[in-house]
Amino acid sequence: MKKLWFITAILTLGCSSVSLIESWKNPDIVAFDAYQVLIVGMTQNQDARDRFESKLTKEFEKRGVEAMRSLDIFDIAFTDSRKSEEELDKVEESLLAKGFDAILFTKVTGSENRRGLVDKVSEWDKYQGRFTDDYLEHQGIYYDEGYYEEFTVYHAETSLYCICAGKERALIWRGSIEVSDPKNIEKTIDEYVKLVVLSLEEQDLIFKKEDKDEVTGL
């Protein structure tokens, strides 16, 4: 079935250095509810991974959605070496058995020019992969020191995957996010998390938009 992709306007949070550049949602999904979500942050920077996963987990729990960090599921030995498709399939089965129904997967992909990024995103409508496929392709981020160099502008992707029992384990939503000169890690993580939460709310994915009076805010 043909999937629809769309390019959103750049979404910024005030003077934030974090911007949503592209967004794609599975056209077969109107809304998606999840009750237990695994938060995965794929980066070599352990401190940034800890802060990011912890911050996002707290945001989920504040909204009544149970979440767990990949740091509490994947030990250091797991991410220090390449894993096979069979090993990752076992991980998915284990998560399903523990009651997880979704994975929110974020990875820093490096840097590329805007034209290359748009060309890449235009192929998302053809993507048929699962979390396992995405992880397999990019797992070198964890341990390969030459995976990407130091850039003043980073491109990251956050993807929401369904791992629901009896349903196709497919990509639900993906956003391409640009981070400009992230000198303050704590501030950058806060802005990134706010942007992800806002984006999911706008798409009725996991979180629901609150109906408020535009004047009173009530």
C-alpha atoms as a PDB file:
ATOM      1  CA  MET A   1       0.000   0.000   0.000  1.00  0.00           C
ATOM      2  CA  LYS A   2       1.324   3.364  -0.988  1.00  0.00           C
ATOM      3  CA  LYS A   3       2.379   5.494   1.960  1.00  0.00           C
ATOM      4  CA  LEU A   4       2.093   9.244   2.063  1.00  0.00           C
ATOM      5  CA  TRP A   5       4.970  11.456   3.101  1.00  0.00           C
ATOM      6  CA  PHE A   6       4.877  15.135   3.723  1.00  0.00           C
ATOM      7  CA  ILE A   7       7.262  17.978   4.471  1.00  0.00           C
ATOM      8  CA  THR A   8       6.344  20.132   7.429  1.00  0.00           C
ATOM      9  CA  ALA A   9       7.287  23.727   7.970  1.00  0.00           C
ATOM     10  CA  ILE A  10      10.352  24.092  10.169  1.00  0.00           C
ATOM     11  CA  LEU A  11       9.112  23.946  13.739  1.00  0.00           C
ATOM     12  CA  THR A  12      11.189  25.776  16.300  1.00  0.00           C
ATOM     13  CA  LEU A  13      10.737  26.413  20.003  1.00  0.00           C
ATOM     14  CA  GLY A  14      11.387  30.126  20.429  1.00  0.00           C
ATOM     15  CA  CYS A  15      15.117  30.704  20.021  1.00  0.00           C
ATOM     16  CA  SER A  16      15.772  26.977  20.134  1.00  0.00           C
ATOM     17  CA  SER A  17      18.628  25.437  18.171  1.00  0.00           C
ATOM     18  CA  VAL A  18      16.453  22.332  17.632  1.00  0.00           C
ATOM     19  CA  SER A  19      14.149  22.242  14.600  1.00  0.00           C
ATOM     20  CA  LEU A  20      11.809  19.685  13.065  1.00  0.00           C
ATOM     21  CA  ILE A  21      12.774  19.680   9.395  1.00  0.00           C
ATOM     22  CA  GLU A  22      10.776  16.766   7.995  1.00  0.00           C
ATOM     23  CA  SER A  23       7.962  14.582   9.340  1.00  0.00           C
ATOM     24  CA  TRP A  24       6.252  11.434   8.096  1.00  0.00           C
ATOM     25  CA  LYS A  25       3.246   9.575   9.486  1.00  0.00           C
ATOM     26  CA  ASN A  26       1.869   6.233   8.348  1.00  0.00           C
ATOM     27  CA  PRO A  27      -1.306   7.213   6.453  1.00  0.00           C
ATOM     28  CA  ASP A  28      -3.030   4.045   7.658  1.00  0.00           C
ATOM     29  CA  ILE A  29      -2.774   5.303  11.252  1.00  0.00           C
ATOM     30  CA  VAL A  30      -5.183   8.009  12.449  1.00  0.00           C
ATOM     31  CA  ALA A  31      -4.280   7.797  16.123  1.00  0.00           C
ATOM     32  CA  PHE A  32      -2.028   5.459  18.086  1.00  0.00           C
ATOM     33  CA  ASP A  33      -2.179   4.624  21.779  1.00  0.00           C
ATOM     34  CA  ALA A  34       0.671   3.023  23.686  1.00  0.00           C
ATOM     35  CA  TYR A  35       0.793   1.965  27.300  1.00  0.00           C
ATOM     36  CA  GLN A  36       4.382   0.851  27.740  1.00  0.00           C
ATOM     37  CA  VAL A  37       7.130   2.403  25.610  1.00  0.00           C
ATOM     38  CA  LEU A  38      10.833   1.647  25.351  1.00  0.00           C
ATOM     39  CA  ILE A  39      12.921   4.815  24.944  1.00  0.00           C
ATOM     40  CA  VAL A  40      16.073   4.239  22.888  1.00  0.00           C
ATOM     41  CA  GLY A  41      18.719   6.913  22.375  1.00  0.00           C
ATOM     42  CA  MET A  42      21.501   5.752  20.061  1.00  0.00           C
ATOM     43  CA  THR A  43      24.703   7.749  20.575  1.00  0.00           C
ATOM     44  CA  GLN A  44      28.288   7.116  21.673  1.00  0.00           C
ATOM     45  CA  ASN A  45      27.997   9.825  24.325  1.00  0.00           C
ATOM     46  CA  GLN A  46      26.862   7.845  27.366  1.00  0.00           C
ATOM     47  CA  ASP A  47      26.156  10.950  29.438  1.00  0.00           C
ATOM     48  CA  ALA A  48      23.941  12.421  26.692  1.00  0.00           C
ATOM     49  CA  ARG A  49      22.185   9.074  26.231  1.00  0.00           C
ATOM     50  CA  ASP A  50      21.490   8.827  29.972  1.00  0.00           C
ATOM     51  CA  ARG A  51      20.137  12.387  30.171  1.00  0.00           C
ATOM     52  CA  PHE A  52      18.061  12.059  27.013  1.00  0.00           C
ATOM     53  CA  GLU A  53      16.445   8.735  27.867  1.00  0.00           C
ATOM     54  CA  SER A  54      15.809   9.788  31.469  1.00  0.00           C
ATOM     55  CA  LYS A  55      14.259  13.124  30.452  1.00  0.00           C
ATOM     56  CA  LEU A  56      11.998  11.587  27.819  1.00  0.00           C
ATOM     57  CA  THR A  57      10.960   8.767  30.158  1.00  0.00           C
ATOM     58  CA  LYS A  58       9.887  11.344  32.771  1.00  0.00           C
ATOM     59  CA  GLU A  59       7.855  13.250  30.168  1.00  0.00           C
ATOM     60  CA  PHE A  60       6.014  10.058  29.211  1.00  0.00           C
ATOM     61  CA  GLU A  61       5.315   9.158  32.831  1.00  0.00           C
ATOM     62  CA  LYS A  62       4.042  12.697  33.566  1.00  0.00           C
ATOM     63  CA  ARG A  63       1.427  12.060  30.875  1.00  0.00           C
ATOM     64  CA  GLY A  64       0.379   8.696  32.290  1.00  0.00           C
ATOM     65  CA  VAL A  65       2.329   6.506  29.859  1.00  0.00           C
ATOM     66  CA  GLU A  66       4.688   3.915  31.295  1.00  0.00           C
ATOM     67  CA  ALA A  67       8.159   4.155  29.775  1.00  0.00           C
ATOM     68  CA  MET A  68      11.543   2.556  30.331  1.00  0.00           C
ATOM     69  CA  ARG A  69      15.049   3.542  29.242  1.00  0.00           C
ATOM     70  CA  SER A  70      17.025   1.281  26.920  1.00  0.00           C
ATOM     71  CA  LEU A  71      19.875   1.753  29.412  1.00  0.00           C
ATOM     72  CA  ASP A  72      17.844  -0.423  31.780  1.00  0.00           C
ATOM     73  CA  ILE A  73      17.240  -3.051  29.081  1.00  0.00           C
ATOM     74  CA  PHE A  74      20.399  -3.047  26.941  1.00  0.00           C
ATOM     75  CA  ASP A  75      23.540  -3.479  29.027  1.00  0.00           C
ATOM     76  CA  ILE A  76      26.932  -2.094  27.974  1.00  0.00           C
ATOM     77  CA  ALA A  77      27.993  -5.431  26.536  1.00  0.00           C
ATOM     78  CA  PHE A  78      24.939  -5.396  24.267  1.00  0.00           C
ATOM     79  CA  THR A  79      25.666  -2.038  22.658  1.00  0.00           C
ATOM     80  CA  ASP A  80      29.457  -2.505  22.480  1.00  0.00           C
ATOM     81  CA  SER A  81      29.273  -5.088  19.728  1.00  0.00           C
ATOM     82  CA  ARG A  82      27.343  -5.736  16.526  1.00  0.00           C
ATOM     83  CA  LYS A  83      24.156  -7.728  16.917  1.00  0.00           C
ATOM     84  CA  SER A  84      22.506 -10.049  14.420  1.00  0.00           C
ATOM     85  CA  GLU A  85      18.931  -9.887  13.181  1.00  0.00           C
ATOM     86  CA  GLU A  86      18.168 -13.041  15.167  1.00  0.00           C
ATOM     87  CA  GLU A  87      19.427 -11.448  18.393  1.00  0.00           C
ATOM     88  CA  LEU A  88      17.326  -8.330  17.835  1.00  0.00           C
ATOM     89  CA  ASP A  89      14.265 -10.419  17.003  1.00  0.00           C
ATOM     90  CA  LYS A  90      14.684 -12.074  20.417  1.00  0.00           C
ATOM     91  CA  VAL A  91      14.876  -8.625  22.013  1.00  0.00           C
ATOM     92  CA  GLU A  92      11.586  -7.632  20.351  1.00  0.00           C
ATOM     93  CA  GLU A  93       9.937 -10.850  21.508  1.00  0.00           C
ATOM     94  CA  SER A  94      11.215 -10.240  25.029  1.00  0.00           C
ATOM     95  CA  LEU A  95       9.822  -6.694  25.014  1.00  0.00           C
ATOM     96  CA  LEU A  96       6.463  -7.939  23.761  1.00  0.00           C
ATOM     97  CA  ALA A  97       6.371 -10.561  26.520  1.00  0.00           C
ATOM     98  CA  LYS A  98       7.050  -7.837  29.102  1.00  0.00           C
ATOM     99  CA  GLY A  99       4.091  -5.796  27.920  1.00  0.00           C
ATOM    100  CA  PHE A 100       5.798  -3.204  25.704  1.00  0.00           C
ATOM    101  CA  ASP A 101       3.758  -2.075  22.731  1.00  0.00           C
ATOM    102  CA  ALA A 102       5.971   0.629  21.230  1.00  0.00           C
ATOM    103  CA  ILE A 103       9.573   1.755  20.798  1.00  0.00           C
ATOM    104  CA  LEU A 104      10.603   5.399  20.420  1.00  0.00           C
ATOM    105  CA  PHE A 105      13.980   5.231  18.703  1.00  0.00           C
ATOM    106  CA  THR A 106      16.255   8.283  18.374  1.00  0.00           C
ATOM    107  CA  LYS A 107      19.616   8.299  16.640  1.00  0.00           C
ATOM    108  CA  VAL A 108      22.170  10.954  15.669  1.00  0.00           C
ATOM    109  CA  THR A 109      22.880  10.295  12.012  1.00  0.00           C
ATOM    110  CA  GLY A 110      25.596  12.890  11.416  1.00  0.00           C
ATOM    111  CA  SER A 111      25.442  15.795   9.001  1.00  0.00           C
ATOM    112  CA  GLU A 112      24.506  16.273   5.384  1.00  0.00           C
ATOM    113  CA  ASN A 113      23.335  19.112   3.191  1.00  0.00           C
ATOM    114  CA  ARG A 114      19.653  20.058   3.141  1.00  0.00           C
ATOM    115  CA  ARG A 115      19.109  18.800  -0.413  1.00  0.00           C
ATOM    116  CA  GLY A 116      20.485  15.389   0.498  1.00  0.00           C
ATOM    117  CA  LEU A 117      18.230  15.302   3.527  1.00  0.00           C
ATOM    118  CA  VAL A 118      15.092  16.123   1.528  1.00  0.00           C
ATOM    119  CA  ASP A 119      15.972  13.454  -1.041  1.00  0.00           C
ATOM    120  CA  LYS A 120      16.420  10.942   1.762  1.00  0.00           C
ATOM    121  CA  VAL A 121      13.120  11.772   3.447  1.00  0.00           C
ATOM    122  CA  SER A 122      11.266  11.476   0.155  1.00  0.00           C
ATOM    123  CA  GLU A 123      12.077   7.763   0.275  1.00  0.00           C
ATOM    124  CA  TRP A 124      10.380   7.238   3.654  1.00  0.00           C
ATOM    125  CA  ASP A 125       7.058   6.386   1.974  1.00  0.00           C
ATOM    126  CA  LYS A 126       8.752   3.257   0.586  1.00  0.00           C
ATOM    127  CA  TYR A 127      10.162   2.186   3.942  1.00  0.00           C
ATOM    128  CA  GLN A 128       8.789  -1.169   5.103  1.00  0.00           C
ATOM    129  CA  GLY A 129      11.243  -1.871   7.899  1.00  0.00           C
ATOM    130  CA  ARG A 130      10.852  -2.534  11.605  1.00  0.00           C
ATOM    131  CA  PHE A 131      12.786  -1.328  14.618  1.00  0.00           C
ATOM    132  CA  THR A 132      15.104  -4.326  14.137  1.00  0.00           C
ATOM    133  CA  ASP A 133      16.003  -3.216  10.599  1.00  0.00           C
ATOM    134  CA  ASP A 134      16.612   0.374  11.701  1.00  0.00           C
ATOM    135  CA  TYR A 135      18.799  -0.733  14.618  1.00  0.00           C
ATOM    136  CA  LEU A 136      20.793  -3.137  12.434  1.00  0.00           C
ATOM    137  CA  GLU A 137      21.579  -0.423   9.895  1.00  0.00           C
ATOM    138  CA  HIS A 138      22.730   2.157  12.428  1.00  0.00           C
ATOM    139  CA  GLN A 139      24.123   0.173  15.379  1.00  0.00           C
ATOM    140  CA  GLY A 140      27.661   1.284  14.531  1.00  0.00           C
ATOM    141  CA  ILE A 141      26.733   4.615  16.144  1.00  0.00           C
ATOM    142  CA  TYR A 142      27.243   2.959  19.535  1.00  0.00           C
ATOM    143  CA  TYR A 143      30.808   1.698  19.064  1.00  0.00           C
ATOM    144  CA  ASP A 144      32.333   2.822  15.753  1.00  0.00           C
ATOM    145  CA  GLU A 145      34.493   5.865  16.542  1.00  0.00           C
ATOM    146  CA  GLY A 146      34.580   6.831  12.878  1.00  0.00           C
ATOM    147  CA  TYR A 147      30.812   6.717  12.372  1.00  0.00           C
ATOM    148  CA  TYR A 148      30.564  10.487  12.270  1.00  0.00           C
ATOM    149  CA  GLU A 149      32.882  13.391  12.827  1.00  0.00           C
ATOM    150  CA  GLU A 150      32.375  16.544  14.867  1.00  0.00           C
ATOM    151  CA  PHE A 151      29.871  18.835  13.168  1.00  0.00           C
ATOM    152  CA  THR A 152      28.376  22.188  14.108  1.00  0.00           C
ATOM    153  CA  VAL A 153      25.023  20.952  12.751  1.00  0.00           C
ATOM    154  CA  TYR A 154      23.747  17.486  13.593  1.00  0.00           C
ATOM    155  CA  HIS A 155      20.904  15.587  12.000  1.00  0.00           C
ATOM    156  CA  ALA A 156      18.929  13.231  14.197  1.00  0.00           C
ATOM    157  CA  GLU A 157      15.927  11.028  13.575  1.00  0.00           C
ATOM    158  CA  THR A 158      13.242   9.959  16.027  1.00  0.00           C
ATOM    159  CA  SER A 159      11.016   7.052  14.986  1.00  0.00           C
ATOM    160  CA  LEU A 160       7.971   5.496  16.637  1.00  0.00           C
ATOM    161  CA  TYR A 161       7.567   1.759  16.069  1.00  0.00           C
ATOM    162  CA  CYS A 162       4.638  -0.442  17.007  1.00  0.00           C
ATOM    163  CA  ILE A 163       5.496  -3.839  18.502  1.00  0.00           C
ATOM    164  CA  CYS A 164       1.896  -4.671  19.398  1.00  0.00           C
ATOM    165  CA  ALA A 165       0.821  -8.321  19.654  1.00  0.00           C
ATOM    166  CA  GLY A 166      -1.153  -9.471  16.641  1.00  0.00           C
ATOM    167  CA  LYS A 167      -0.276  -6.399  14.596  1.00  0.00           C
ATOM    168  CA  GLU A 168       2.352  -5.625  11.996  1.00  0.00           C
ATOM    169  CA  ARG A 169       5.469  -4.327  13.745  1.00  0.00           C
ATOM    170  CA  ALA A 170       5.803  -1.263  11.598  1.00  0.00           C
ATOM    171  CA  LEU A 171       6.946   2.336  11.543  1.00  0.00           C
ATOM    172  CA  ILE A 172       4.208   4.668  12.795  1.00  0.00           C
ATOM    173  CA  TRP A 173       5.951   8.056  12.655  1.00  0.00           C
ATOM    174  CA  ARG A 174       9.377   9.498  11.917  1.00  0.00           C
ATOM    175  CA  GLY A 175      10.746  12.997  12.331  1.00  0.00           C
ATOM    176  CA  SER A 176      14.007  14.414  11.042  1.00  0.00           C
ATOM    177  CA  ILE A 177      15.390  16.940  13.503  1.00  0.00           C
ATOM    178  CA  GLU A 178      18.251  19.389  13.056  1.00  0.00           C
ATOM    179  CA  VAL A 179      20.391  20.428  16.004  1.00  0.00           C
ATOM    180  CA  SER A 180      22.550  23.503  15.443  1.00  0.00           C
ATOM    181  CA  ASP A 181      25.795  23.836  17.395  1.00  0.00           C
ATOM    182  CA  PRO A 182      24.727  21.934  20.549  1.00  0.00           C
ATOM    183  CA  LYS A 183      27.209  23.416  23.020  1.00  0.00           C
ATOM    184  CA  ASN A 184      24.906  23.089  26.025  1.00  0.00           C
ATOM    185  CA  ILE A 185      23.920  19.411  26.156  1.00  0.00           C
ATOM    186  CA  GLU A 186      21.337  19.833  28.913  1.00  0.00           C
ATOM    187  CA  LYS A 187      19.554  22.693  27.124  1.00  0.00           C
ATOM    188  CA  THR A 188      19.673  20.870  23.783  1.00  0.00           C
ATOM    189  CA  ILE A 189      18.200  17.698  25.279  1.00  0.00           C
ATOM    190  CA  ASP A 190      15.388  19.672  26.935  1.00  0.00           C
ATOM    191  CA  GLU A 191      14.530  21.361  23.636  1.00  0.00           C
ATOM    192  CA  TYR A 192      14.710  18.087  21.700  1.00  0.00           C
ATOM    193  CA  VAL A 193      12.414  16.298  24.139  1.00  0.00           C
ATOM    194  CA  LYS A 194       9.869  19.154  24.071  1.00  0.00           C
ATOM    195  CA  LEU A 195       9.881  19.069  20.277  1.00  0.00           C
ATOM    196  CA  VAL A 196       9.340  15.301  20.129  1.00  0.00           C
ATOM    197  CA  VAL A 197       6.469  15.438  22.632  1.00  0.00           C
ATOM    198  CA  LEU A 198       4.835  18.343  20.764  1.00  0.00           C
ATOM    199  CA  SER A 199       5.192  16.525  17.440  1.00  0.00           C
ATOM    200  CA  LEU A 200       3.573  13.361  18.806  1.00  0.00           C
ATOM    201  CA  GLU A 201       0.716  15.399  20.286  1.00  0.00           C
ATOM    202  CA  GLU A 202       0.110  17.146  16.960  1.00  0.00           C
ATOM    203  CA  GLN A 203      -0.183  13.750  15.246  1.00  0.00           C
ATOM    204  CA  ASP A 204      -2.385  12.166  17.979  1.00  0.00           C
ATOM    205  CA  LEU A 205       0.289   9.582  18.634  1.00  0.00           C
ATOM    206  CA  ILE A 206       0.442   8.354  22.253  1.00  0.00           C
ATOM    207  CA  PHE A 207      -0.291  11.860  23.565  1.00  0.00           C
ATOM    208  CA  LYS A 208      -3.503  13.775  22.899  1.00  0.00           C
ATOM    209  CA  LYS A 209      -3.787  17.489  22.275  1.00  0.00           C
ATOM    210  CA  GLU A 210      -5.546  19.346  25.051  1.00  0.00           C
ATOM    211  CA  ASP A 211      -8.510  21.474  23.982  1.00  0.00           C
ATOM    212  CA  LYS A 212      -7.992  24.948  25.447  1.00  0.00           C
ATOM    213  CA  ASP A 213      -9.675  28.263  24.928  1.00  0.00           C
ATOM    214  CA  GLU A 214      -7.332  30.405  22.839  1.00  0.00           C
ATOM    215  CA  VAL A 215      -7.999  33.447  25.032  1.00  0.00           C
ATOM    216  CA  THR A 216      -8.223  32.052  28.547  1.00  0.00           C
ATOM    217  CA  GLY A 217      -6.079  28.963  28.026  1.00  0.00           C
ATOM    218  CA  LEU A 218      -8.727  26.954  29.922  1.00  0.00           C
END
